[in-house]
Amino acid sequence: MRRIPNPKTRPELRARRKLRIRKNVSGSAERPRLVVFRSLKHIYAQLVDDVSRRTIATVSDGTIAAGKKTERSTAVGKLIAEKAKAAGIVKVVFDRGGYQYHGRVKAVADGAREGGLEF
């Protein structure tokens, strides 16, 4: 009888995917990293300069009152694009944070593209 190893938990699997992505994705002052964090209720987006290790802008859906989660995610993408343009940033690198590029994560990306960010 073969022993089946214990399956990893979802957070552990996501952390491994996140590290695998971060190995190749890095932000700079000219082209910061657009980071997405998704919880069960909310979604957050940040612009991060990895060279100087600072956060340029951050947006959450707490400021957006109405709508479904996907609609609020699109609005978060548009808001982060506005803040980026105010800071003089047009090009970014998208970091999906170990999540599937689907649903709310994709909605943030689409909203950011609608807002004028290039990636």
N, C-alpha and C. Protein backbone atom coordinates (compact mmCIF):
# COMPACT_ATOMS: atom_id res chain seq x y z
N MET A 1 0.84 -1.18 0.00
CA MET A 1 0.00 0.00 0.00
C MET A 1 0.88 1.24 0.00
N ARG A 2 0.62 2.16 -0.95
CA ARG A 2 1.41 3.40 -1.04
C ARG A 2 0.85 4.46 -0.12
N ARG A 3 1.75 5.20 0.51
CA ARG A 3 1.31 6.32 1.34
C ARG A 3 1.20 7.56 0.47
N ILE A 4 0.11 8.27 0.60
CA ILE A 4 -0.09 9.53 -0.13
C ILE A 4 0.39 10.65 0.77
N PRO A 5 1.29 11.50 0.28
CA PRO A 5 1.77 12.60 1.14
C PRO A 5 0.64 13.57 1.45
N ASN A 6 0.77 14.24 2.57
CA ASN A 6 -0.25 15.21 2.96
C ASN A 6 -0.34 16.32 1.92
N PRO A 7 -1.55 16.63 1.49
CA PRO A 7 -1.67 17.72 0.51
C PRO A 7 -1.36 19.06 1.18
N LYS A 8 -0.81 19.95 0.40
CA LYS A 8 -0.51 21.28 0.93
C LYS A 8 -1.80 22.07 1.03
N THR A 9 -1.81 23.03 1.92
CA THR A 9 -3.00 23.86 2.06
C THR A 9 -3.04 24.91 0.96
N ARG A 10 -4.21 25.50 0.75
CA ARG A 10 -4.34 26.52 -0.29
C ARG A 10 -3.39 27.70 -0.08
N PRO A 11 -3.28 28.22 1.16
CA PRO A 11 -2.34 29.34 1.35
C PRO A 11 -0.89 28.96 1.04
N GLU A 12 -0.50 27.73 1.37
CA GLU A 12 0.87 27.29 1.06
C GLU A 12 1.09 27.21 -0.45
N LEU A 13 0.11 26.67 -1.17
CA LEU A 13 0.22 26.57 -2.62
C LEU A 13 0.28 27.96 -3.26
N ARG A 14 -0.55 28.89 -2.76
CA ARG A 14 -0.54 30.25 -3.29
C ARG A 14 0.79 30.94 -3.01
N ALA A 15 1.35 30.71 -1.82
CA ALA A 15 2.64 31.31 -1.47
C ALA A 15 3.74 30.81 -2.41
N ARG A 16 3.70 29.54 -2.76
CA ARG A 16 4.69 28.99 -3.70
C ARG A 16 4.54 29.61 -5.09
N ARG A 17 3.29 29.74 -5.55
CA ARG A 17 3.04 30.38 -6.85
C ARG A 17 3.51 31.83 -6.83
N LYS A 18 3.24 32.52 -5.72
CA LYS A 18 3.63 33.92 -5.59
C LYS A 18 5.15 34.07 -5.69
N LEU A 19 5.88 33.21 -5.01
CA LEU A 19 7.34 33.27 -5.07
C LEU A 19 7.85 32.96 -6.48
N ARG A 20 7.20 32.02 -7.14
CA ARG A 20 7.59 31.66 -8.50
C ARG A 20 7.38 32.85 -9.45
N ILE A 21 6.30 33.60 -9.25
CA ILE A 21 6.03 34.78 -10.08
C ILE A 21 7.03 35.90 -9.74
N ARG A 22 7.26 36.12 -8.43
CA ARG A 22 8.12 37.23 -7.99
C ARG A 22 9.57 37.02 -8.41
N LYS A 23 9.93 35.77 -8.72
CA LYS A 23 11.28 35.48 -9.18
C LYS A 23 11.55 36.20 -10.50
N ASN A 24 10.50 36.38 -11.32
CA ASN A 24 10.64 36.97 -12.65
C ASN A 24 10.09 38.37 -12.77
N VAL A 25 9.21 38.80 -11.86
CA VAL A 25 8.55 40.10 -11.96
C VAL A 25 9.15 41.05 -10.94
N SER A 26 9.63 42.19 -11.42
CA SER A 26 10.20 43.19 -10.53
C SER A 26 9.84 44.57 -11.04
N GLY A 27 9.57 45.49 -10.12
CA GLY A 27 9.19 46.84 -10.49
C GLY A 27 10.32 47.82 -10.28
N SER A 28 10.31 48.89 -11.06
CA SER A 28 11.32 49.94 -10.92
C SER A 28 10.59 51.28 -10.84
N ALA A 29 11.34 52.37 -10.74
CA ALA A 29 10.72 53.69 -10.66
C ALA A 29 10.00 54.03 -11.97
N GLU A 30 10.59 53.64 -13.11
CA GLU A 30 9.98 53.95 -14.40
C GLU A 30 8.80 53.01 -14.68
N ARG A 31 8.90 51.77 -14.22
CA ARG A 31 7.88 50.77 -14.49
C ARG A 31 7.61 49.97 -13.21
N PRO A 32 6.79 50.53 -12.30
CA PRO A 32 6.54 49.84 -11.03
C PRO A 32 5.67 48.60 -11.21
N ARG A 33 5.64 47.83 -10.15
CA ARG A 33 4.86 46.59 -10.13
C ARG A 33 3.46 46.88 -9.61
N LEU A 34 2.45 46.48 -10.36
CA LEU A 34 1.06 46.62 -9.94
C LEU A 34 0.66 45.32 -9.24
N VAL A 35 0.56 45.37 -7.92
CA VAL A 35 0.32 44.19 -7.09
C VAL A 35 -1.17 44.11 -6.77
N VAL A 36 -1.74 42.92 -6.87
CA VAL A 36 -3.14 42.71 -6.54
C VAL A 36 -3.21 41.75 -5.36
N PHE A 37 -4.00 42.13 -4.34
CA PHE A 37 -4.30 41.24 -3.23
C PHE A 37 -5.80 41.08 -3.15
N ARG A 38 -6.24 39.85 -3.04
CA ARG A 38 -7.66 39.55 -3.05
C ARG A 38 -8.01 38.81 -1.77
N SER A 39 -8.94 39.34 -0.99
CA SER A 39 -9.47 38.60 0.15
C SER A 39 -10.87 38.13 -0.23
N LEU A 40 -11.56 37.49 0.69
CA LEU A 40 -12.89 37.00 0.37
C LEU A 40 -13.87 38.14 0.12
N LYS A 41 -13.70 39.26 0.84
CA LYS A 41 -14.65 40.38 0.70
C LYS A 41 -14.10 41.55 -0.10
N HIS A 42 -12.80 41.78 -0.05
CA HIS A 42 -12.24 43.00 -0.62
C HIS A 42 -11.14 42.70 -1.62
N ILE A 43 -10.72 43.74 -2.33
CA ILE A 43 -9.60 43.63 -3.26
C ILE A 43 -8.76 44.91 -3.13
N TYR A 44 -7.46 44.75 -3.22
CA TYR A 44 -6.52 45.85 -3.03
C TYR A 44 -5.54 45.87 -4.19
N ALA A 45 -5.07 47.06 -4.55
CA ALA A 45 -4.06 47.19 -5.60
C ALA A 45 -3.01 48.19 -5.13
N GLN A 46 -1.74 47.91 -5.41
CA GLN A 46 -0.64 48.79 -5.03
C GLN A 46 0.32 48.93 -6.19
N LEU A 47 0.96 50.08 -6.25
CA LEU A 47 2.09 50.28 -7.17
C LEU A 47 3.34 50.29 -6.32
N VAL A 48 4.28 49.39 -6.62
CA VAL A 48 5.47 49.21 -5.80
C VAL A 48 6.73 49.38 -6.64
N ASP A 49 7.65 50.20 -6.13
CA ASP A 49 8.98 50.33 -6.72
C ASP A 49 9.91 49.41 -5.93
N ASP A 50 10.30 48.28 -6.52
CA ASP A 50 11.12 47.30 -5.81
C ASP A 50 12.57 47.72 -5.64
N VAL A 51 13.04 48.62 -6.49
CA VAL A 51 14.43 49.06 -6.40
C VAL A 51 14.62 49.90 -5.13
N SER A 52 13.76 50.90 -4.94
CA SER A 52 13.87 51.74 -3.74
C SER A 52 13.01 51.23 -2.59
N ARG A 53 12.31 50.12 -2.81
CA ARG A 53 11.50 49.46 -1.78
C ARG A 53 10.46 50.38 -1.17
N ARG A 54 9.67 51.02 -2.04
CA ARG A 54 8.62 51.88 -1.51
C ARG A 54 7.34 51.70 -2.31
N THR A 55 6.23 51.99 -1.65
CA THR A 55 4.92 51.91 -2.27
C THR A 55 4.57 53.29 -2.82
N ILE A 56 4.24 53.35 -4.09
CA ILE A 56 3.94 54.62 -4.75
C ILE A 56 2.49 55.02 -4.54
N ALA A 57 1.57 54.06 -4.72
CA ALA A 57 0.13 54.34 -4.56
C ALA A 57 -0.57 53.07 -4.13
N THR A 58 -1.70 53.25 -3.46
CA THR A 58 -2.50 52.10 -3.04
C THR A 58 -3.97 52.45 -3.11
N VAL A 59 -4.79 51.46 -3.45
CA VAL A 59 -6.25 51.64 -3.57
C VAL A 59 -6.91 50.37 -3.06
N SER A 60 -8.04 50.54 -2.37
CA SER A 60 -8.84 49.38 -1.99
C SER A 60 -10.29 49.64 -2.38
N ASP A 61 -11.09 48.60 -2.35
CA ASP A 61 -12.49 48.77 -2.72
C ASP A 61 -13.34 49.25 -1.55
N GLY A 62 -12.72 49.59 -0.44
CA GLY A 62 -13.45 50.14 0.70
C GLY A 62 -14.04 51.51 0.40
N THR A 63 -13.44 52.23 -0.54
CA THR A 63 -13.93 53.56 -0.90
C THR A 63 -15.09 53.49 -1.90
N ILE A 64 -15.29 52.32 -2.53
CA ILE A 64 -16.32 52.14 -3.53
C ILE A 64 -17.52 51.48 -2.85
N ALA A 65 -18.64 52.17 -2.86
CA ALA A 65 -19.78 51.73 -2.05
C ALA A 65 -20.59 50.61 -2.69
N ALA A 66 -21.08 50.83 -3.90
CA ALA A 66 -22.07 49.92 -4.45
C ALA A 66 -21.47 49.02 -5.52
N GLY A 67 -22.22 47.99 -5.87
CA GLY A 67 -21.82 47.11 -6.96
C GLY A 67 -21.38 45.76 -6.46
N LYS A 68 -21.29 44.84 -7.41
CA LYS A 68 -20.80 43.50 -7.09
C LYS A 68 -19.28 43.55 -6.97
N LYS A 69 -18.71 42.46 -6.48
CA LYS A 69 -17.26 42.44 -6.23
C LYS A 69 -16.46 42.64 -7.51
N THR A 70 -16.91 42.08 -8.62
CA THR A 70 -16.18 42.23 -9.88
C THR A 70 -16.25 43.68 -10.37
N GLU A 71 -17.41 44.32 -10.20
CA GLU A 71 -17.56 45.72 -10.61
C GLU A 71 -16.67 46.62 -9.75
N ARG A 72 -16.61 46.33 -8.45
CA ARG A 72 -15.75 47.12 -7.57
C ARG A 72 -14.28 46.91 -7.93
N SER A 73 -13.93 45.70 -8.37
CA SER A 73 -12.55 45.41 -8.78
C SER A 73 -12.17 46.23 -10.00
N THR A 74 -13.07 46.35 -10.96
CA THR A 74 -12.81 47.18 -12.15
C THR A 74 -12.60 48.63 -11.73
N ALA A 75 -13.41 49.10 -10.78
CA ALA A 75 -13.27 50.47 -10.29
C ALA A 75 -11.93 50.66 -9.58
N VAL A 76 -11.46 49.64 -8.86
CA VAL A 76 -10.14 49.71 -8.20
C VAL A 76 -9.05 49.87 -9.25
N GLY A 77 -9.16 49.12 -10.35
CA GLY A 77 -8.19 49.24 -11.44
C GLY A 77 -8.16 50.63 -12.04
N LYS A 78 -9.34 51.23 -12.22
CA LYS A 78 -9.42 52.58 -12.77
C LYS A 78 -8.83 53.61 -11.80
N LEU A 79 -9.11 53.43 -10.50
CA LEU A 79 -8.57 54.36 -9.49
C LEU A 79 -7.05 54.28 -9.40
N ILE A 80 -6.50 53.06 -9.46
CA ILE A 80 -5.04 52.94 -9.38
C ILE A 80 -4.40 53.53 -10.63
N ALA A 81 -5.10 53.45 -11.78
CA ALA A 81 -4.58 54.06 -13.00
C ALA A 81 -4.57 55.57 -12.88
N GLU A 82 -5.60 56.15 -12.27
CA GLU A 82 -5.64 57.60 -12.05
C GLU A 82 -4.49 58.05 -11.15
N LYS A 83 -4.27 57.30 -10.06
CA LYS A 83 -3.18 57.65 -9.14
C LYS A 83 -1.82 57.51 -9.83
N ALA A 84 -1.68 56.50 -10.67
CA ALA A 84 -0.42 56.30 -11.38
C ALA A 84 -0.17 57.44 -12.34
N LYS A 85 -1.19 57.85 -13.07
CA LYS A 85 -1.03 58.96 -14.02
C LYS A 85 -0.68 60.25 -13.28
N ALA A 86 -1.29 60.45 -12.10
CA ALA A 86 -0.96 61.63 -11.30
C ALA A 86 0.50 61.61 -10.85
N ALA A 87 1.05 60.41 -10.67
CA ALA A 87 2.45 60.27 -10.28
C ALA A 87 3.38 60.24 -11.49
N GLY A 88 2.81 60.34 -12.71
CA GLY A 88 3.63 60.35 -13.92
C GLY A 88 4.01 58.96 -14.41
N ILE A 89 3.22 57.97 -14.08
CA ILE A 89 3.52 56.59 -14.48
C ILE A 89 2.50 56.13 -15.52
N VAL A 90 3.00 55.57 -16.61
CA VAL A 90 2.12 55.05 -17.66
C VAL A 90 2.30 53.54 -17.83
N LYS A 91 3.52 53.04 -17.69
CA LYS A 91 3.80 51.62 -17.88
C LYS A 91 4.03 50.95 -16.53
N VAL A 92 3.43 49.77 -16.36
CA VAL A 92 3.60 49.00 -15.13
C VAL A 92 3.84 47.54 -15.48
N VAL A 93 4.23 46.77 -14.47
CA VAL A 93 4.37 45.32 -14.58
C VAL A 93 3.28 44.72 -13.69
N PHE A 94 2.46 43.83 -14.23
CA PHE A 94 1.33 43.28 -13.48
C PHE A 94 1.76 42.07 -12.67
N ASP A 95 1.46 42.09 -11.37
CA ASP A 95 1.76 40.99 -10.46
C ASP A 95 0.44 40.47 -9.91
N ARG A 96 0.04 39.29 -10.36
CA ARG A 96 -1.26 38.75 -9.95
C ARG A 96 -1.22 38.13 -8.56
N GLY A 97 -0.05 38.07 -7.94
CA GLY A 97 0.07 37.65 -6.56
C GLY A 97 -0.26 36.20 -6.29
N GLY A 98 -0.06 35.32 -7.28
CA GLY A 98 -0.33 33.91 -7.08
C GLY A 98 -1.76 33.52 -7.35
N TYR A 99 -2.61 34.48 -7.67
CA TYR A 99 -4.00 34.19 -8.00
C TYR A 99 -4.12 33.88 -9.48
N GLN A 100 -5.18 33.17 -9.85
CA GLN A 100 -5.46 32.93 -11.26
C GLN A 100 -5.81 34.25 -11.93
N TYR A 101 -5.37 34.43 -13.17
CA TYR A 101 -5.74 35.62 -13.93
C TYR A 101 -7.16 35.40 -14.43
N HIS A 102 -8.11 35.65 -13.55
CA HIS A 102 -9.50 35.31 -13.82
C HIS A 102 -10.37 36.07 -12.83
N GLY A 103 -11.57 36.41 -13.20
CA GLY A 103 -12.50 37.01 -12.27
C GLY A 103 -12.08 38.39 -11.80
N ARG A 104 -11.97 38.56 -10.48
CA ARG A 104 -11.69 39.88 -9.91
C ARG A 104 -10.29 40.36 -10.23
N VAL A 105 -9.32 39.46 -10.31
CA VAL A 105 -7.94 39.85 -10.65
C VAL A 105 -7.90 40.37 -12.08
N LYS A 106 -8.57 39.69 -12.98
CA LYS A 106 -8.65 40.14 -14.37
C LYS A 106 -9.41 41.46 -14.46
N ALA A 107 -10.44 41.64 -13.63
CA ALA A 107 -11.21 42.88 -13.63
C ALA A 107 -10.34 44.06 -13.22
N VAL A 108 -9.44 43.87 -12.25
CA VAL A 108 -8.52 44.94 -11.86
C VAL A 108 -7.61 45.30 -13.03
N ALA A 109 -7.10 44.27 -13.70
CA ALA A 109 -6.21 44.50 -14.84
C ALA A 109 -6.94 45.23 -15.96
N ASP A 110 -8.17 44.81 -16.26
CA ASP A 110 -8.94 45.47 -17.31
C ASP A 110 -9.26 46.91 -16.95
N GLY A 111 -9.60 47.15 -15.69
CA GLY A 111 -9.88 48.52 -15.24
C GLY A 111 -8.66 49.40 -15.33
N ALA A 112 -7.49 48.85 -15.00
CA ALA A 112 -6.25 49.63 -15.09
C ALA A 112 -5.93 49.96 -16.55
N ARG A 113 -6.18 49.00 -17.44
CA ARG A 113 -5.96 49.25 -18.87
C ARG A 113 -6.91 50.31 -19.39
N GLU A 114 -8.18 50.25 -18.95
CA GLU A 114 -9.16 51.27 -19.34
C GLU A 114 -8.74 52.63 -18.85
N GLY A 115 -8.12 52.67 -17.65
CA GLY A 115 -7.66 53.92 -17.07
C GLY A 115 -6.43 54.49 -17.74
N GLY A 116 -5.79 53.71 -18.61
CA GLY A 116 -4.65 54.22 -19.36
C GLY A 116 -3.30 53.62 -19.03
N LEU A 117 -3.24 52.62 -18.16
CA LEU A 117 -1.98 51.99 -17.86
C LEU A 117 -1.63 50.97 -18.94
N GLU A 118 -0.34 50.81 -19.22
CA GLU A 118 0.12 49.86 -20.22
C GLU A 118 0.89 48.74 -19.54
N PHE A 119 0.51 47.51 -19.85
CA PHE A 119 1.25 46.32 -19.38
C PHE A 119 0.87 45.13 -20.20
